[in-house]
């Protein structure tokens, strides 16, 4: 991972999907994810990491792509890995 730079100050949005009993609810009246936080990638990662593990599948982060590590829509696994990287960079 030599020379990999991630801009944690990049604009990002933390989104949450409607849920029922801790699971995504595709049958909700408004099934699209809604904004929880509109800030930086770092702020969104911090807010995401403050959520219980059991609820993290309800969230995603959207940001500008920063190949090869940061995609436009970040999955739970990507966010957790970026949180680990952030602590080392």
N, C-alpha and C. Protein backbone atom coordinates (compact mmCIF):
# COMPACT_ATOMS: atom_id res chain seq x y z
N UNK A 1 0.81 -1.18 0.00
CA UNK A 1 0.00 0.00 0.00
C UNK A 1 0.87 1.26 0.00
N UNK A 2 2.03 1.17 -0.59
CA UNK A 2 2.94 2.30 -0.66
C UNK A 2 2.32 3.42 -1.47
N UNK A 3 2.52 4.66 -1.01
CA UNK A 3 2.06 5.85 -1.71
C UNK A 3 0.55 5.93 -1.87
N UNK A 4 -0.20 5.25 -1.03
CA UNK A 4 -1.66 5.36 -1.07
C UNK A 4 -2.07 6.52 -0.17
N UNK A 5 -2.73 7.48 -0.76
CA UNK A 5 -3.20 8.62 0.02
C UNK A 5 -4.72 8.66 -0.02
N UNK A 6 -5.33 8.77 1.13
CA UNK A 6 -6.78 8.89 1.23
C UNK A 6 -7.08 10.25 1.83
N UNK A 7 -7.93 10.99 1.14
CA UNK A 7 -8.34 12.31 1.62
C UNK A 7 -9.53 12.14 2.55
N UNK A 8 -9.26 12.09 3.85
CA UNK A 8 -10.31 11.93 4.83
C UNK A 8 -11.10 13.22 5.04
N UNK A 9 -10.64 14.32 4.43
CA UNK A 9 -11.36 15.60 4.49
C UNK A 9 -12.34 15.76 3.32
N UNK A 10 -12.39 14.77 2.44
CA UNK A 10 -13.28 14.84 1.28
C UNK A 10 -14.74 14.87 1.75
N UNK A 11 -15.60 15.58 1.03
CA UNK A 11 -17.02 15.59 1.39
C UNK A 11 -17.61 14.17 1.31
N UNK A 12 -18.48 13.87 2.26
CA UNK A 12 -19.10 12.54 2.30
C UNK A 12 -20.46 12.65 3.00
N UNK A 13 -21.28 11.63 2.77
CA UNK A 13 -22.61 11.59 3.37
C UNK A 13 -22.82 10.20 3.96
N UNK A 14 -23.21 10.15 5.23
CA UNK A 14 -23.58 8.89 5.88
C UNK A 14 -25.08 8.72 5.68
N UNK A 15 -25.47 7.58 5.10
CA UNK A 15 -26.88 7.29 4.82
C UNK A 15 -27.32 6.07 5.61
N UNK A 16 -28.61 6.04 5.94
CA UNK A 16 -29.20 4.90 6.65
C UNK A 16 -30.44 4.45 5.89
N UNK A 17 -30.55 3.14 5.75
CA UNK A 17 -31.72 2.55 5.12
C UNK A 17 -32.83 2.39 6.15
N UNK A 18 -34.08 2.57 5.73
CA UNK A 18 -35.19 2.28 6.64
C UNK A 18 -35.08 0.83 7.11
N UNK A 19 -35.47 0.60 8.35
CA UNK A 19 -35.31 -0.75 8.89
C UNK A 19 -36.53 -1.19 9.67
N UNK A 20 -36.58 -2.49 9.84
CA UNK A 20 -37.60 -3.11 10.69
C UNK A 20 -36.94 -4.28 11.40
N UNK A 21 -37.01 -4.28 12.71
CA UNK A 21 -36.39 -5.32 13.53
C UNK A 21 -34.90 -5.50 13.21
N UNK A 22 -34.21 -4.39 13.00
CA UNK A 22 -32.77 -4.45 12.79
C UNK A 22 -32.32 -4.87 11.40
N UNK A 23 -33.25 -4.99 10.46
CA UNK A 23 -32.92 -5.39 9.09
C UNK A 23 -33.42 -4.32 8.13
N UNK A 24 -32.73 -4.19 6.97
CA UNK A 24 -33.23 -3.27 5.95
C UNK A 24 -34.65 -3.65 5.56
N UNK A 25 -35.48 -2.64 5.40
CA UNK A 25 -36.88 -2.87 5.07
C UNK A 25 -37.16 -2.36 3.65
N UNK A 26 -37.04 -3.24 2.65
CA UNK A 26 -37.26 -2.81 1.27
C UNK A 26 -38.73 -2.49 0.99
N UNK A 27 -39.62 -2.87 1.89
CA UNK A 27 -41.05 -2.61 1.71
C UNK A 27 -41.51 -1.32 2.38
N UNK A 28 -40.58 -0.55 2.93
CA UNK A 28 -40.93 0.71 3.57
C UNK A 28 -41.50 1.66 2.53
N UNK A 29 -42.34 2.55 2.97
CA UNK A 29 -42.95 3.53 2.07
C UNK A 29 -41.86 4.27 1.29
N UNK A 30 -40.81 4.66 1.96
CA UNK A 30 -39.65 5.30 1.33
C UNK A 30 -38.46 4.40 1.58
N UNK A 31 -38.17 3.51 0.66
CA UNK A 31 -37.14 2.49 0.86
C UNK A 31 -35.73 2.99 0.59
N UNK A 32 -35.58 4.19 0.05
CA UNK A 32 -34.25 4.72 -0.22
C UNK A 32 -33.59 5.18 1.08
N UNK A 33 -32.26 5.11 1.12
CA UNK A 33 -31.57 5.56 2.33
C UNK A 33 -31.71 7.06 2.53
N UNK A 34 -31.70 7.48 3.77
CA UNK A 34 -31.81 8.91 4.08
C UNK A 34 -30.53 9.37 4.78
N UNK A 35 -30.28 10.67 4.72
CA UNK A 35 -29.05 11.25 5.24
C UNK A 35 -29.07 11.35 6.76
N UNK A 36 -27.99 10.85 7.35
CA UNK A 36 -27.77 10.96 8.79
C UNK A 36 -26.78 12.09 9.07
N UNK A 37 -25.73 12.17 8.23
CA UNK A 37 -24.68 13.16 8.42
C UNK A 37 -24.14 13.58 7.06
N UNK A 38 -24.03 14.87 6.86
CA UNK A 38 -23.43 15.43 5.65
C UNK A 38 -22.18 16.18 6.13
N UNK A 39 -21.02 15.59 5.89
CA UNK A 39 -19.78 16.17 6.41
C UNK A 39 -18.58 15.68 5.63
N UNK A 40 -17.51 15.37 6.34
CA UNK A 40 -16.30 14.84 5.71
C UNK A 40 -16.29 13.32 5.81
N UNK A 41 -15.42 12.71 5.02
CA UNK A 41 -15.26 11.26 5.09
C UNK A 41 -14.88 10.84 6.51
N UNK A 42 -13.98 11.58 7.14
CA UNK A 42 -13.56 11.27 8.50
C UNK A 42 -14.73 11.34 9.48
N UNK A 43 -15.54 12.40 9.40
CA UNK A 43 -16.69 12.55 10.29
C UNK A 43 -17.70 11.42 10.09
N UNK A 44 -17.93 11.06 8.83
CA UNK A 44 -18.88 9.99 8.53
C UNK A 44 -18.38 8.64 9.05
N UNK A 45 -17.08 8.39 8.91
CA UNK A 45 -16.51 7.15 9.44
C UNK A 45 -16.65 7.11 10.96
N UNK A 46 -16.35 8.22 11.62
CA UNK A 46 -16.47 8.26 13.09
C UNK A 46 -17.91 8.00 13.53
N UNK A 47 -18.87 8.63 12.85
CA UNK A 47 -20.29 8.43 13.22
C UNK A 47 -20.70 6.98 12.96
N UNK A 48 -20.27 6.43 11.83
CA UNK A 48 -20.58 5.04 11.51
C UNK A 48 -20.02 4.10 12.58
N UNK A 49 -18.76 4.31 12.96
CA UNK A 49 -18.11 3.44 13.93
C UNK A 49 -18.75 3.54 15.32
N UNK A 50 -19.49 4.61 15.59
CA UNK A 50 -20.16 4.74 16.89
C UNK A 50 -21.44 3.90 16.96
N UNK A 51 -21.87 3.36 15.82
CA UNK A 51 -23.09 2.55 15.78
C UNK A 51 -22.77 1.13 16.25
N UNK A 52 -23.74 0.46 16.86
CA UNK A 52 -23.53 -0.94 17.27
C UNK A 52 -23.25 -1.82 16.05
N UNK A 53 -22.39 -2.81 16.22
CA UNK A 53 -22.06 -3.73 15.13
C UNK A 53 -23.32 -4.31 14.48
N UNK A 54 -24.30 -4.62 15.29
CA UNK A 54 -25.52 -5.26 14.78
C UNK A 54 -26.34 -4.35 13.87
N UNK A 55 -26.09 -3.04 13.91
CA UNK A 55 -26.85 -2.10 13.10
C UNK A 55 -26.07 -1.56 11.90
N UNK A 56 -24.81 -1.87 11.81
CA UNK A 56 -23.97 -1.27 10.76
C UNK A 56 -24.40 -1.63 9.35
N UNK A 57 -25.06 -2.77 9.16
CA UNK A 57 -25.49 -3.15 7.81
C UNK A 57 -26.58 -2.22 7.28
N UNK A 58 -27.13 -1.38 8.13
CA UNK A 58 -28.16 -0.43 7.71
C UNK A 58 -27.58 0.85 7.14
N UNK A 59 -26.25 1.00 7.19
CA UNK A 59 -25.60 2.25 6.81
C UNK A 59 -24.66 2.08 5.62
N UNK A 60 -24.44 3.20 4.94
CA UNK A 60 -23.40 3.27 3.91
C UNK A 60 -22.90 4.70 3.88
N UNK A 61 -21.71 4.86 3.33
CA UNK A 61 -21.14 6.20 3.14
C UNK A 61 -20.98 6.42 1.65
N UNK A 62 -21.38 7.60 1.21
CA UNK A 62 -21.21 8.01 -0.19
C UNK A 62 -20.24 9.17 -0.23
N UNK A 63 -19.27 9.06 -1.15
CA UNK A 63 -18.23 10.08 -1.27
C UNK A 63 -17.65 10.00 -2.68
N UNK A 64 -16.77 10.92 -3.01
CA UNK A 64 -16.09 10.88 -4.30
C UNK A 64 -15.11 9.71 -4.31
N UNK A 65 -15.04 9.05 -5.44
CA UNK A 65 -14.14 7.91 -5.59
C UNK A 65 -12.68 8.35 -5.44
N UNK A 66 -11.91 7.53 -4.72
CA UNK A 66 -10.46 7.73 -4.58
C UNK A 66 -9.80 6.38 -4.83
N UNK A 67 -9.70 5.99 -6.11
CA UNK A 67 -9.16 4.66 -6.44
C UNK A 67 -7.78 4.45 -5.84
N UNK A 68 -7.44 3.25 -5.47
CA UNK A 68 -8.24 2.04 -5.59
C UNK A 68 -9.03 1.69 -4.32
N UNK A 69 -8.83 2.42 -3.23
CA UNK A 69 -9.41 2.01 -1.94
C UNK A 69 -10.79 2.57 -1.64
N UNK A 70 -11.09 3.75 -2.13
CA UNK A 70 -12.34 4.41 -1.79
C UNK A 70 -13.24 4.44 -3.02
N UNK A 71 -14.39 3.80 -2.91
CA UNK A 71 -15.38 3.81 -4.00
C UNK A 71 -16.46 4.84 -3.67
N UNK A 72 -17.33 5.12 -4.63
CA UNK A 72 -18.37 6.13 -4.41
C UNK A 72 -19.35 5.74 -3.32
N UNK A 73 -19.64 4.46 -3.21
CA UNK A 73 -20.52 3.95 -2.15
C UNK A 73 -19.71 2.92 -1.37
N UNK A 74 -19.50 3.21 -0.09
CA UNK A 74 -18.66 2.35 0.74
C UNK A 74 -19.52 1.35 1.50
N UNK A 75 -19.11 0.09 1.44
CA UNK A 75 -19.79 -0.97 2.18
C UNK A 75 -19.32 -0.98 3.64
N UNK A 76 -19.99 -1.74 4.46
CA UNK A 76 -19.62 -1.88 5.87
C UNK A 76 -18.16 -2.30 5.99
N UNK A 77 -17.77 -3.31 5.22
CA UNK A 77 -16.40 -3.82 5.29
C UNK A 77 -15.38 -2.76 4.91
N UNK A 78 -15.67 -1.98 3.86
CA UNK A 78 -14.76 -0.93 3.43
C UNK A 78 -14.63 0.15 4.51
N UNK A 79 -15.74 0.52 5.11
CA UNK A 79 -15.72 1.56 6.14
C UNK A 79 -14.88 1.12 7.33
N UNK A 80 -15.07 -0.10 7.77
CA UNK A 80 -14.30 -0.62 8.91
C UNK A 80 -12.81 -0.62 8.57
N UNK A 81 -12.46 -1.04 7.37
CA UNK A 81 -11.05 -1.05 6.95
C UNK A 81 -10.50 0.37 6.89
N UNK A 82 -11.27 1.32 6.36
CA UNK A 82 -10.81 2.71 6.30
C UNK A 82 -10.62 3.28 7.70
N UNK A 83 -11.46 2.88 8.64
CA UNK A 83 -11.30 3.33 10.02
C UNK A 83 -9.98 2.84 10.59
N UNK A 84 -9.62 1.61 10.28
CA UNK A 84 -8.34 1.05 10.73
C UNK A 84 -7.18 1.80 10.07
N UNK A 85 -7.29 2.03 8.77
CA UNK A 85 -6.22 2.74 8.05
C UNK A 85 -6.06 4.15 8.58
N UNK A 86 -7.16 4.80 8.85
CA UNK A 86 -7.13 6.19 9.34
C UNK A 86 -6.29 6.28 10.60
N UNK A 87 -6.37 5.27 11.46
CA UNK A 87 -5.62 5.29 12.71
C UNK A 87 -4.11 5.13 12.48
N UNK A 88 -3.72 4.58 11.33
CA UNK A 88 -2.30 4.36 11.04
C UNK A 88 -1.70 5.43 10.15
N UNK A 89 -2.52 6.17 9.44
CA UNK A 89 -2.00 7.17 8.49
C UNK A 89 -1.78 8.51 9.14
